[in-house]
Amino acid sequence: MTASEAQNSFGRLIKAARVEPVVIEKRGQDVAVALSVEEYHRLKGLDKKVTSSDAASHGERSEVW
């Protein structure tokens, strides 16, 4: 979806993003991804696990927000 389409059809963008991530492009370049809040939280959870395991494997302490 182009940035202009996203701007002009925001409701459609939200509806589509609830089903699967939607890549938004501007001038032929990918610039953003819209995704459901559930997918966002899932990915944030993976990020925390990776950050914690990376720090532990290097003997570092990690902070989890």
PDB file of N, CA and C in Angstrom:
ATOM      1  N   MET A   1       0.851  -1.161   0.000  1.00  0.00           N
ATOM      2  CA  MET A   1       0.000   0.000   0.000  1.00  0.00           C
ATOM      3  C   MET A   1       0.902   1.231   0.000  1.00  0.00           C
ATOM      4  N   THR A   2       0.545   2.201  -0.794  1.00  0.00           N
ATOM      5  CA  THR A   2       1.339   3.430  -0.824  1.00  0.00           C
ATOM      6  C   THR A   2       0.975   4.310   0.373  1.00  0.00           C
ATOM      7  N   ALA A   3       1.857   5.250   0.688  1.00  0.00           N
ATOM      8  CA  ALA A   3       1.601   6.176   1.786  1.00  0.00           C
ATOM      9  C   ALA A   3       0.336   6.984   1.509  1.00  0.00           C
ATOM     10  N   SER A   4       0.134   7.384   0.274  1.00  0.00           N
ATOM     11  CA  SER A   4      -1.070   8.140  -0.084  1.00  0.00           C
ATOM     12  C   SER A   4      -2.325   7.306   0.127  1.00  0.00           C
ATOM     13  N   GLU A   5      -2.285   6.037  -0.275  1.00  0.00           N
ATOM     14  CA  GLU A   5      -3.428   5.149  -0.056  1.00  0.00           C
ATOM     15  C   GLU A   5      -3.693   4.968   1.434  1.00  0.00           C
ATOM     16  N   ALA A   6      -2.630   4.819   2.214  1.00  0.00           N
ATOM     17  CA  ALA A   6      -2.778   4.654   3.659  1.00  0.00           C
ATOM     18  C   ALA A   6      -3.435   5.886   4.273  1.00  0.00           C
ATOM     19  N   GLN A   7      -3.002   7.061   3.824  1.00  0.00           N
ATOM     20  CA  GLN A   7      -3.549   8.308   4.348  1.00  0.00           C
ATOM     21  C   GLN A   7      -5.013   8.478   3.950  1.00  0.00           C
ATOM     22  N   ASN A   8      -5.320   8.168   2.711  1.00  0.00           N
ATOM     23  CA  ASN A   8      -6.681   8.369   2.205  1.00  0.00           C
ATOM     24  C   ASN A   8      -7.656   7.270   2.615  1.00  0.00           C
ATOM     25  N   SER A   9      -7.118   6.112   2.994  1.00  0.00           N
ATOM     26  CA  SER A   9      -7.975   4.968   3.354  1.00  0.00           C
ATOM     27  C   SER A   9      -7.530   4.380   4.686  1.00  0.00           C
ATOM     28  N   PHE A  10      -7.432   5.224   5.701  1.00  0.00           N
ATOM     29  CA  PHE A  10      -6.891   4.787   6.985  1.00  0.00           C
ATOM     30  C   PHE A  10      -7.704   3.644   7.587  1.00  0.00           C
ATOM     31  N   GLY A  11      -9.012   3.710   7.469  1.00  0.00           N
ATOM     32  CA  GLY A  11      -9.870   2.634   7.983  1.00  0.00           C
ATOM     33  C   GLY A  11      -9.560   1.309   7.320  1.00  0.00           C
ATOM     34  N   ARG A  12      -9.351   1.333   6.024  1.00  0.00           N
ATOM     35  CA  ARG A  12      -9.002   0.117   5.286  1.00  0.00           C
ATOM     36  C   ARG A  12      -7.641  -0.408   5.735  1.00  0.00           C
ATOM     37  N   LEU A  13      -6.699   0.503   5.970  1.00  0.00           N
ATOM     38  CA  LEU A  13      -5.367   0.114   6.443  1.00  0.00           C
ATOM     39  C   LEU A  13      -5.472  -0.602   7.789  1.00  0.00           C
ATOM     40  N   ILE A  14      -6.234  -0.034   8.711  1.00  0.00           N
ATOM     41  CA  ILE A  14      -6.398  -0.651  10.029  1.00  0.00           C
ATOM     42  C   ILE A  14      -7.036  -2.030   9.907  1.00  0.00           C
ATOM     43  N   LYS A  15      -8.063  -2.132   9.092  1.00  0.00           N
ATOM     44  CA  LYS A  15      -8.746  -3.416   8.905  1.00  0.00           C
ATOM     45  C   LYS A  15      -7.778  -4.453   8.338  1.00  0.00           C
ATOM     46  N   ALA A  16      -6.998  -4.084   7.356  1.00  0.00           N
ATOM     47  CA  ALA A  16      -6.041  -5.017   6.747  1.00  0.00           C
ATOM     48  C   ALA A  16      -4.935  -5.400   7.727  1.00  0.00           C
ATOM     49  N   ALA A  17      -4.460  -4.426   8.519  1.00  0.00           N
ATOM     50  CA  ALA A  17      -3.366  -4.681   9.461  1.00  0.00           C
ATOM     51  C   ALA A  17      -3.792  -5.616  10.586  1.00  0.00           C
ATOM     52  N   ARG A  18      -5.070  -5.680  10.882  1.00  0.00           N
ATOM     53  CA  ARG A  18      -5.548  -6.604  11.912  1.00  0.00           C
ATOM     54  C   ARG A  18      -5.473  -8.047  11.439  1.00  0.00           C
ATOM     55  N   VAL A  19      -5.421  -8.250  10.121  1.00  0.00           N
ATOM     56  CA  VAL A  19      -5.348  -9.591   9.544  1.00  0.00           C
ATOM     57  C   VAL A  19      -3.901 -10.011   9.304  1.00  0.00           C
ATOM     58  N   GLU A  20      -3.099  -9.082   8.767  1.00  0.00           N
ATOM     59  CA  GLU A  20      -1.694  -9.366   8.491  1.00  0.00           C
ATOM     60  C   GLU A  20      -0.932  -8.042   8.379  1.00  0.00           C
ATOM     61  N   PRO A  21       0.382  -8.070   8.618  1.00  0.00           N
ATOM     62  CA  PRO A  21       1.151  -6.828   8.497  1.00  0.00           C
ATOM     63  C   PRO A  21       1.021  -6.221   7.091  1.00  0.00           C
ATOM     64  N   VAL A  22       0.932  -4.897   7.042  1.00  0.00           N
ATOM     65  CA  VAL A  22       0.798  -4.174   5.781  1.00  0.00           C
ATOM     66  C   VAL A  22       2.026  -3.282   5.602  1.00  0.00           C
ATOM     67  N   VAL A  23       2.760  -3.507   4.513  1.00  0.00           N
ATOM     68  CA  VAL A  23       3.931  -2.690   4.201  1.00  0.00           C
ATOM     69  C   VAL A  23       3.454  -1.418   3.504  1.00  0.00           C
ATOM     70  N   ILE A  24       3.960  -0.286   3.964  1.00  0.00           N
ATOM     71  CA  ILE A  24       3.602   1.006   3.374  1.00  0.00           C
ATOM     72  C   ILE A  24       4.841   1.538   2.669  1.00  0.00           C
ATOM     73  N   GLU A  25       4.642   1.945   1.429  1.00  0.00           N
ATOM     74  CA  GLU A  25       5.782   2.441   0.656  1.00  0.00           C
ATOM     75  C   GLU A  25       5.565   3.870   0.207  1.00  0.00           C
ATOM     76  N   LYS A  26       6.680   4.554   0.045  1.00  0.00           N
ATOM     77  CA  LYS A  26       6.657   5.930  -0.435  1.00  0.00           C
ATOM     78  C   LYS A  26       7.733   6.042  -1.505  1.00  0.00           C
ATOM     79  N   ARG A  27       7.331   6.511  -2.658  1.00  0.00           N
ATOM     80  CA  ARG A  27       8.240   6.642  -3.805  1.00  0.00           C
ATOM     81  C   ARG A  27       8.954   5.327  -4.123  1.00  0.00           C
ATOM     82  N   GLY A  28       8.198   4.226  -3.999  1.00  0.00           N
ATOM     83  CA  GLY A  28       8.737   2.917  -4.357  1.00  0.00           C
ATOM     84  C   GLY A  28       9.620   2.270  -3.301  1.00  0.00           C
ATOM     85  N   GLN A  29       9.776   2.905  -2.138  1.00  0.00           N
ATOM     86  CA  GLN A  29      10.601   2.365  -1.058  1.00  0.00           C
ATOM     87  C   GLN A  29       9.711   2.001   0.129  1.00  0.00           C
ATOM     88  N   ASP A  30       9.955   0.839   0.733  1.00  0.00           N
ATOM     89  CA  ASP A  30       9.234   0.463   1.942  1.00  0.00           C
ATOM     90  C   ASP A  30       9.661   1.404   3.064  1.00  0.00           C
ATOM     91  N   VAL A  31       8.683   2.025   3.732  1.00  0.00           N
ATOM     92  CA  VAL A  31       9.010   2.989   4.780  1.00  0.00           C
ATOM     93  C   VAL A  31       8.401   2.648   6.140  1.00  0.00           C
ATOM     94  N   ALA A  32       7.378   1.812   6.162  1.00  0.00           N
ATOM     95  CA  ALA A  32       6.724   1.491   7.428  1.00  0.00           C
ATOM     96  C   ALA A  32       5.931   0.197   7.279  1.00  0.00           C
ATOM     97  N   VAL A  33       5.576  -0.350   8.428  1.00  0.00           N
ATOM     98  CA  VAL A  33       4.711  -1.526   8.458  1.00  0.00           C
ATOM     99  C   VAL A  33       3.631  -1.278   9.501  1.00  0.00           C
ATOM    100  N   ALA A  34       2.397  -1.499   9.128  1.00  0.00           N
ATOM    101  CA  ALA A  34       1.276  -1.425  10.068  1.00  0.00           C
ATOM    102  C   ALA A  34       0.909  -2.851  10.446  1.00  0.00           C
ATOM    103  N   LEU A  35       0.747  -3.089  11.750  1.00  0.00           N
ATOM    104  CA  LEU A  35       0.394  -4.428  12.193  1.00  0.00           C
ATOM    105  C   LEU A  35      -0.534  -4.356  13.388  1.00  0.00           C
ATOM    106  N   SER A  36      -1.191  -5.472  13.674  1.00  0.00           N
ATOM    107  CA  SER A  36      -2.131  -5.508  14.789  1.00  0.00           C
ATOM    108  C   SER A  36      -1.395  -5.331  16.100  1.00  0.00           C
ATOM    109  N   VAL A  37      -2.122  -4.857  17.099  1.00  0.00           N
ATOM    110  CA  VAL A  37      -1.520  -4.674  18.416  1.00  0.00           C
ATOM    111  C   VAL A  37      -1.110  -6.035  18.997  1.00  0.00           C
ATOM    112  N   GLU A  38      -1.842  -7.078  18.675  1.00  0.00           N
ATOM    113  CA  GLU A  38      -1.468  -8.407  19.152  1.00  0.00           C
ATOM    114  C   GLU A  38      -0.119  -8.838  18.589  1.00  0.00           C
ATOM    115  N   GLU A  39       0.083  -8.600  17.306  1.00  0.00           N
ATOM    116  CA  GLU A  39       1.369  -8.941  16.681  1.00  0.00           C
ATOM    117  C   GLU A  39       2.489  -8.072  17.242  1.00  0.00           C
ATOM    118  N   TYR A  40       2.207  -6.801  17.487  1.00  0.00           N
ATOM    119  CA  TYR A  40       3.190  -5.907  18.080  1.00  0.00           C
ATOM    120  C   TYR A  40       3.640  -6.435  19.445  1.00  0.00           C
ATOM    121  N   HIS A  41       2.675  -6.805  20.296  1.00  0.00           N
ATOM    122  CA  HIS A  41       3.021  -7.317  21.619  1.00  0.00           C
ATOM    123  C   HIS A  41       3.784  -8.637  21.529  1.00  0.00           C
ATOM    124  N   ARG A  42       3.406  -9.478  20.572  1.00  0.00           N
ATOM    125  CA  ARG A  42       4.124 -10.741  20.387  1.00  0.00           C
ATOM    126  C   ARG A  42       5.578 -10.469  20.022  1.00  0.00           C
ATOM    127  N   LEU A  43       5.797  -9.549  19.105  1.00  0.00           N
ATOM    128  CA  LEU A  43       7.157  -9.219  18.681  1.00  0.00           C
ATOM    129  C   LEU A  43       7.946  -8.556  19.808  1.00  0.00           C
ATOM    130  N   LYS A  44       7.315  -7.694  20.571  1.00  0.00           N
ATOM    131  CA  LYS A  44       7.994  -7.069  21.710  1.00  0.00           C
ATOM    132  C   LYS A  44       8.418  -8.127  22.724  1.00  0.00           C
ATOM    133  N   GLY A  45       7.579  -9.135  22.922  1.00  0.00           N
ATOM    134  CA  GLY A  45       7.925 -10.225  23.831  1.00  0.00           C
ATOM    135  C   GLY A  45       9.132 -10.991  23.338  1.00  0.00           C
ATOM    136  N   LEU A  46       9.206 -11.231  22.032  1.00  0.00           N
ATOM    137  CA  LEU A  46      10.366 -11.913  21.456  1.00  0.00           C
ATOM    138  C   LEU A  46      11.607 -11.067  21.629  1.00  0.00           C
ATOM    139  N   ASP A  47      11.478  -9.753  21.457  1.00  0.00           N
ATOM    140  CA  ASP A  47      12.615  -8.842  21.602  1.00  0.00           C
ATOM    141  C   ASP A  47      13.167  -8.909  23.022  1.00  0.00           C
ATOM    142  N   LYS A  48      12.302  -8.933  24.014  1.00  0.00           N
ATOM    143  CA  LYS A  48      12.753  -9.004  25.405  1.00  0.00           C
ATOM    144  C   LYS A  48      13.471 -10.315  25.668  1.00  0.00           C
ATOM    145  N   LYS A  49      12.961 -11.429  25.099  1.00  0.00           N
ATOM    146  CA  LYS A  49      13.608 -12.722  25.290  1.00  0.00           C
ATOM    147  C   LYS A  49      14.983 -12.740  24.650  1.00  0.00           C
ATOM    148  N   VAL A  50      15.098 -12.189  23.453  1.00  0.00           N
ATOM    149  CA  VAL A  50      16.384 -12.155  22.756  1.00  0.00           C
ATOM    150  C   VAL A  50      17.354 -11.268  23.515  1.00  0.00           C
ATOM    151  N   THR A  51      16.926 -10.104  23.950  1.00  0.00           N
ATOM    152  CA  THR A  51      17.784  -9.183  24.691  1.00  0.00           C
ATOM    153  C   THR A  51      18.277  -9.835  25.975  1.00  0.00           C
ATOM    154  N   SER A  52      17.408 -10.498  26.696  1.00  0.00           N
ATOM    155  CA  SER A  52      17.788 -11.143  27.950  1.00  0.00           C
ATOM    156  C   SER A  52      18.757 -12.287  27.708  1.00  0.00           C
ATOM    157  N   SER A  53      18.505 -13.114  26.691  1.00  0.00           N
ATOM    158  CA  SER A  53      19.393 -14.252  26.441  1.00  0.00           C
ATOM    159  C   SER A  53      20.728 -13.793  25.875  1.00  0.00           C
ATOM    160  N   ASP A  54      20.746 -12.738  25.071  1.00  0.00           N
ATOM    161  CA  ASP A  54      22.010 -12.199  24.560  1.00  0.00           C
ATOM    162  C   ASP A  54      22.864 -11.674  25.703  1.00  0.00           C
ATOM    163  N   ALA A  55      22.263 -10.941  26.613  1.00  0.00           N
ATOM    164  CA  ALA A  55      22.996 -10.383  27.747  1.00  0.00           C
ATOM    165  C   ALA A  55      23.521 -11.499  28.644  1.00  0.00           C
ATOM    166  N   ALA A  56      22.688 -12.510  28.881  1.00  0.00           N
ATOM    167  CA  ALA A  56      23.088 -13.616  29.747  1.00  0.00           C
ATOM    168  C   ALA A  56      24.254 -14.392  29.134  1.00  0.00           C
ATOM    169  N   SER A  57      24.234 -14.557  27.809  1.00  0.00           N
ATOM    170  CA  SER A  57      25.302 -15.319  27.158  1.00  0.00           C
ATOM    171  C   SER A  57      26.619 -14.558  27.177  1.00  0.00           C
ATOM    172  N   HIS A  58      26.569 -13.248  27.381  1.00  0.00           N
ATOM    173  CA  HIS A  58      27.781 -12.435  27.451  1.00  0.00           C
ATOM    174  C   HIS A  58      28.120 -12.042  28.886  1.00  0.00           C
ATOM    175  N   GLY A  59      27.408 -12.649  29.848  1.00  0.00           N
ATOM    176  CA  GLY A  59      27.660 -12.354  31.245  1.00  0.00           C
ATOM    177  C   GLY A  59      27.218 -10.966  31.665  1.00  0.00           C
ATOM    178  N   GLU A  60      26.320 -10.373  30.911  1.00  0.00           N
ATOM    179  CA  GLU A  60      25.843  -9.029  31.214  1.00  0.00           C
ATOM    180  C   GLU A  60      24.497  -9.098  31.898  1.00  0.00           C
ATOM    181  N   ARG A  61      24.197  -8.043  32.610  1.00  0.00           N
ATOM    182  CA  ARG A  61      22.873  -7.897  33.189  1.00  0.00           C
ATOM    183  C   ARG A  61      21.993  -7.158  32.216  1.00  0.00           C
ATOM    184  N   SER A  62      20.781  -7.611  32.044  1.00  0.00           N
ATOM    185  CA  SER A  62      19.879  -6.900  31.139  1.00  0.00           C
ATOM    186  C   SER A  62      18.738  -6.287  31.920  1.00  0.00           C
ATOM    187  N   GLU A  63      18.300  -5.136  31.461  1.00  0.00           N
ATOM    188  CA  GLU A  63      17.145  -4.491  32.057  1.00  0.00           C
ATOM    189  C   GLU A  63      15.938  -4.767  31.188  1.00  0.00           C
ATOM    190  N   VAL A  64      14.854  -5.180  31.798  1.00  0.00           N
ATOM    191  CA  VAL A  64      13.606  -5.400  31.072  1.00  0.00           C
ATOM    192  C   VAL A  64      12.634  -4.337  31.523  1.00  0.00           C
ATOM    193  N   TRP A  65      12.096  -3.611  30.600  1.00  0.00           N
ATOM    194  CA  TRP A  65      11.193  -2.505  30.919  1.00  0.00           C
ATOM    195  C   TRP A  65       9.823  -3.001  31.111  1.00  0.00           C
TER     196      TRP A  65
END
